[in-house]
Structure formats: C-alpha cells, structure tokens
Amino acid sequence: MKNNNRVNSTDQKNGFAVDEAARHFFRASATDFKKIPGSPIAYWVSKRVRLIFDKFPPVGGISNIRAGMATGDNDRHVRIWHEVNTENLKLNAHSTADVWGNGKNKWVLFNKGGDIRKLY
C-alpha cells in the first residue's frame, strides 16, 4: 500500500527494487566486446548490433574513408535553408566547375548531419 507516496509493504518494496534494478542492469560477455572494433565496453549495445559487427567487414576494408566537404569556419560559411537566396543556390552540382563556373552560384547543399539542414 502507498501512504504519502511511500511504499509500505515488504513485497511492494522488493518488487519496486527489482523493477528499478532491471532497468539499469545489462548483461554482456567479454567475447561480445571483442566483436566491436577497438573493443569498447559497450554493454548497452543490442544483440543485433553485435551481430552486425561480427558478420560484416568494416567499411575501411571496402572503401577508403575520408572526411567530406569542410568549411574551415562553419559560423561564417554554413547557413540554414531560409537564410539563402535561392537564386544563388546550385542544387544539382556534380563538380566544383558546376558550382563556380558561371559566377552566379554562391551556395551549395552541405549535409553536415544533425537536426537542422544548412547550406554551404
């Protein structure tokens, strides 16, 4: 029984403690950690994620990994969609010549990640 927001019965106290512990308890083996490159102690990783690391090769073994486009100064060069004049926006660029060739384009799509979409 609850009385003034307190659990009084021993059974309820024990049940509450078990439920609370189950929310914060993870079980993982050392061999599961070895499946993830660098062997981080990622005990919260699901069985499915461990299986993906175990079954598939790392991306670096399939292709060269490189950083994408970078501005060097995001505060100066990255804008949100509504801040850019669409007449100065190049949407279908395939090369730097496509972007800067006509002298009119000032902005291109820049996928930086995160919640907001900005332009570069």
C-alpha atoms as a PDB file:
ATOM      1  CA  MET A   1       0.000   0.000   0.000  1.00  0.00           C
ATOM      2  CA  LYS A   2       1.109   3.526  -0.700  1.00  0.00           C
ATOM      3  CA  ASN A   3       0.835   6.046   2.077  1.00  0.00           C
ATOM      4  CA  ASN A   4       2.053   9.599   1.416  1.00  0.00           C
ATOM      5  CA  ASN A   5       3.885   8.354  -1.694  1.00  0.00           C
ATOM      6  CA  ARG A   6       5.774   5.724   0.303  1.00  0.00           C
ATOM      7  CA  VAL A   7       5.740   2.008  -0.364  1.00  0.00           C
ATOM      8  CA  ASN A   8       4.840   0.269   2.881  1.00  0.00           C
ATOM      9  CA  SER A   9       4.594  -3.434   2.253  1.00  0.00           C
ATOM     10  CA  THR A  10       7.765  -5.504   2.041  1.00  0.00           C
ATOM     11  CA  ASP A  11       6.518  -7.225  -1.108  1.00  0.00           C
ATOM     12  CA  GLN A  12       5.976  -3.930  -2.877  1.00  0.00           C
ATOM     13  CA  LYS A  13       9.372  -2.634  -1.749  1.00  0.00           C
ATOM     14  CA  ASN A  14      11.099  -5.733  -3.090  1.00  0.00           C
ATOM     15  CA  GLY A  15       9.138  -5.632  -6.335  1.00  0.00           C
ATOM     16  CA  PHE A  16       9.989  -1.975  -6.825  1.00  0.00           C
ATOM     17  CA  ALA A  17      13.683  -2.636  -6.207  1.00  0.00           C
ATOM     18  CA  VAL A  18      13.717  -5.498  -8.717  1.00  0.00           C
ATOM     19  CA  ASP A  19      11.930  -3.420 -11.385  1.00  0.00           C
ATOM     20  CA  GLU A  20      14.289  -0.496 -10.814  1.00  0.00           C
ATOM     21  CA  ALA A  21      17.385  -2.727 -10.980  1.00  0.00           C
ATOM     22  CA  ALA A  22      16.183  -4.394 -14.198  1.00  0.00           C
ATOM     23  CA  ARG A  23      16.069  -1.015 -15.935  1.00  0.00           C
ATOM     24  CA  HIS A  24      19.745  -0.374 -15.106  1.00  0.00           C
ATOM     25  CA  PHE A  25      21.161  -3.883 -15.485  1.00  0.00           C
ATOM     26  CA  PHE A  26      22.895  -5.128 -18.622  1.00  0.00           C
ATOM     27  CA  ARG A  27      24.483  -8.492 -19.298  1.00  0.00           C
ATOM     28  CA  ALA A  28      27.296  -8.910 -21.836  1.00  0.00           C
ATOM     29  CA  SER A  29      30.232 -11.256 -22.265  1.00  0.00           C
ATOM     30  CA  ALA A  30      33.862 -10.342 -22.943  1.00  0.00           C
ATOM     31  CA  THR A  31      33.639 -12.059 -26.336  1.00  0.00           C
ATOM     32  CA  ASP A  32      30.796  -9.703 -27.278  1.00  0.00           C
ATOM     33  CA  PHE A  33      33.070  -6.702 -26.623  1.00  0.00           C
ATOM     34  CA  LYS A  34      35.725  -8.177 -28.939  1.00  0.00           C
ATOM     35  CA  LYS A  35      33.233  -8.151 -31.837  1.00  0.00           C
ATOM     36  CA  ILE A  36      33.237  -4.346 -31.901  1.00  0.00           C
ATOM     37  CA  PRO A  37      36.398  -2.720 -33.342  1.00  0.00           C
ATOM     38  CA  GLY A  38      38.579  -1.276 -30.616  1.00  0.00           C
ATOM     39  CA  SER A  39      36.749  -3.471 -28.086  1.00  0.00           C
ATOM     40  CA  PRO A  40      34.903  -0.678 -26.269  1.00  0.00           C
ATOM     41  CA  ILE A  41      32.969  -1.651 -23.189  1.00  0.00           C
ATOM     42  CA  ALA A  42      29.614  -1.066 -24.878  1.00  0.00           C
ATOM     43  CA  TYR A  43      27.462  -3.220 -22.609  1.00  0.00           C
ATOM     44  CA  TRP A  44      24.247  -1.479 -23.716  1.00  0.00           C
ATOM     45  CA  VAL A  45      24.689  -2.476 -27.382  1.00  0.00           C
ATOM     46  CA  SER A  46      21.928  -4.773 -28.565  1.00  0.00           C
ATOM     47  CA  LYS A  47      22.498  -8.331 -29.732  1.00  0.00           C
ATOM     48  CA  ARG A  48      21.622  -7.237 -33.277  1.00  0.00           C
ATOM     49  CA  VAL A  49      24.323  -4.538 -33.318  1.00  0.00           C
ATOM     50  CA  ARG A  50      26.935  -7.023 -32.033  1.00  0.00           C
ATOM     51  CA  LEU A  51      25.868  -9.431 -34.786  1.00  0.00           C
ATOM     52  CA  ILE A  52      26.336  -6.728 -37.447  1.00  0.00           C
ATOM     53  CA  PHE A  53      29.891  -6.030 -36.242  1.00  0.00           C
ATOM     54  CA  ASP A  54      30.590  -9.765 -36.157  1.00  0.00           C
ATOM     55  CA  LYS A  55      29.063 -10.621 -39.551  1.00  0.00           C
ATOM     56  CA  PHE A  56      30.054  -7.711 -41.824  1.00  0.00           C
ATOM     57  CA  PRO A  57      33.513  -6.333 -42.674  1.00  0.00           C
ATOM     58  CA  PRO A  58      34.481  -2.837 -41.534  1.00  0.00           C
ATOM     59  CA  VAL A  59      33.790  -0.032 -44.012  1.00  0.00           C
ATOM     60  CA  GLY A  60      37.531   0.719 -44.136  1.00  0.00           C
ATOM     61  CA  GLY A  61      38.073  -2.727 -45.666  1.00  0.00           C
ATOM     62  CA  ILE A  62      35.652  -1.991 -48.506  1.00  0.00           C
ATOM     63  CA  SER A  63      36.454   1.624 -49.350  1.00  0.00           C
ATOM     64  CA  ASN A  64      38.748   4.493 -48.430  1.00  0.00           C
ATOM     65  CA  ILE A  65      37.335   6.538 -45.573  1.00  0.00           C
ATOM     66  CA  ARG A  66      37.733  10.272 -45.947  1.00  0.00           C
ATOM     67  CA  ALA A  67      36.281  13.406 -44.478  1.00  0.00           C
ATOM     68  CA  GLY A  68      33.726  15.062 -46.695  1.00  0.00           C
ATOM     69  CA  MET A  69      33.447  18.721 -47.523  1.00  0.00           C
ATOM     70  CA  ALA A  70      34.639  21.051 -44.770  1.00  0.00           C
ATOM     71  CA  THR A  71      34.338  24.817 -44.484  1.00  0.00           C
ATOM     72  CA  GLY A  72      37.084  25.639 -42.027  1.00  0.00           C
ATOM     73  CA  ASP A  73      34.729  28.195 -40.459  1.00  0.00           C
ATOM     74  CA  ASN A  74      31.144  26.940 -40.091  1.00  0.00           C
ATOM     75  CA  ASP A  75      29.871  30.098 -38.383  1.00  0.00           C
ATOM     76  CA  ARG A  76      30.879  32.121 -41.418  1.00  0.00           C
ATOM     77  CA  HIS A  77      30.083  29.732 -44.268  1.00  0.00           C
ATOM     78  CA  VAL A  78      27.171  27.496 -43.187  1.00  0.00           C
ATOM     79  CA  ARG A  79      23.593  28.758 -43.398  1.00  0.00           C
ATOM     80  CA  ILE A  80      20.107  27.405 -42.730  1.00  0.00           C
ATOM     81  CA  TRP A  81      17.797  26.974 -45.758  1.00  0.00           C
ATOM     82  CA  HIS A  82      15.719  30.109 -45.199  1.00  0.00           C
ATOM     83  CA  GLU A  83      18.812  32.338 -44.903  1.00  0.00           C
ATOM     84  CA  VAL A  84      19.932  31.719 -48.500  1.00  0.00           C
ATOM     85  CA  ASN A  85      18.681  33.466 -51.648  1.00  0.00           C
ATOM     86  CA  THR A  86      17.581  30.550 -53.852  1.00  0.00           C
ATOM     87  CA  GLU A  87      18.784  32.377 -56.986  1.00  0.00           C
ATOM     88  CA  ASN A  88      22.345  31.895 -55.710  1.00  0.00           C
ATOM     89  CA  LEU A  89      21.824  28.217 -54.873  1.00  0.00           C
ATOM     90  CA  LYS A  90      23.167  25.347 -57.004  1.00  0.00           C
ATOM     91  CA  LEU A  91      21.105  22.204 -56.347  1.00  0.00           C
ATOM     92  CA  ASN A  92      22.447  19.773 -58.948  1.00  0.00           C
ATOM     93  CA  ALA A  93      26.230  20.261 -58.798  1.00  0.00           C
ATOM     94  CA  HIS A  94      28.421  17.281 -59.659  1.00  0.00           C
ATOM     95  CA  SER A  95      31.778  19.069 -59.550  1.00  0.00           C
ATOM     96  CA  THR A  96      33.342  22.332 -58.424  1.00  0.00           C
ATOM     97  CA  ALA A  97      33.190  23.546 -62.044  1.00  0.00           C
ATOM     98  CA  ASP A  98      29.390  23.089 -61.950  1.00  0.00           C
ATOM     99  CA  VAL A  99      29.177  25.260 -58.856  1.00  0.00           C
ATOM    100  CA  TRP A 100      31.595  28.076 -59.537  1.00  0.00           C
ATOM    101  CA  GLY A 101      31.599  28.034 -63.367  1.00  0.00           C
ATOM    102  CA  ASN A 102      29.007  30.750 -64.005  1.00  0.00           C
ATOM    103  CA  GLY A 103      29.942  33.129 -61.184  1.00  0.00           C
ATOM    104  CA  LYS A 104      26.299  33.299 -60.058  1.00  0.00           C
ATOM    105  CA  ASN A 105      26.234  30.407 -57.603  1.00  0.00           C
ATOM    106  CA  LYS A 106      27.240  31.201 -54.059  1.00  0.00           C
ATOM    107  CA  TRP A 107      25.640  28.358 -52.099  1.00  0.00           C
ATOM    108  CA  VAL A 108      25.523  24.561 -52.465  1.00  0.00           C
ATOM    109  CA  LEU A 109      23.903  21.812 -50.415  1.00  0.00           C
ATOM    110  CA  PHE A 110      26.022  20.814 -47.456  1.00  0.00           C
ATOM    111  CA  ASN A 111      24.964  17.774 -45.445  1.00  0.00           C
ATOM    112  CA  LYS A 112      26.628  18.256 -42.103  1.00  0.00           C
ATOM    113  CA  GLY A 113      24.344  15.986 -40.070  1.00  0.00           C
ATOM    114  CA  GLY A 114      22.262  16.835 -37.059  1.00  0.00           C
ATOM    115  CA  ASP A 115      18.715  18.108 -36.811  1.00  0.00           C
ATOM    116  CA  ILE A 116      18.955  21.305 -38.853  1.00  0.00           C
ATOM    117  CA  ARG A 117      19.755  21.385 -42.575  1.00  0.00           C
ATOM    118  CA  LYS A 118      22.255  24.026 -43.558  1.00  0.00           C
ATOM    119  CA  LEU A 119      23.818  25.184 -46.817  1.00  0.00           C
ATOM    120  CA  TYR A 120      27.456  25.770 -47.660  1.00  0.00           C
END
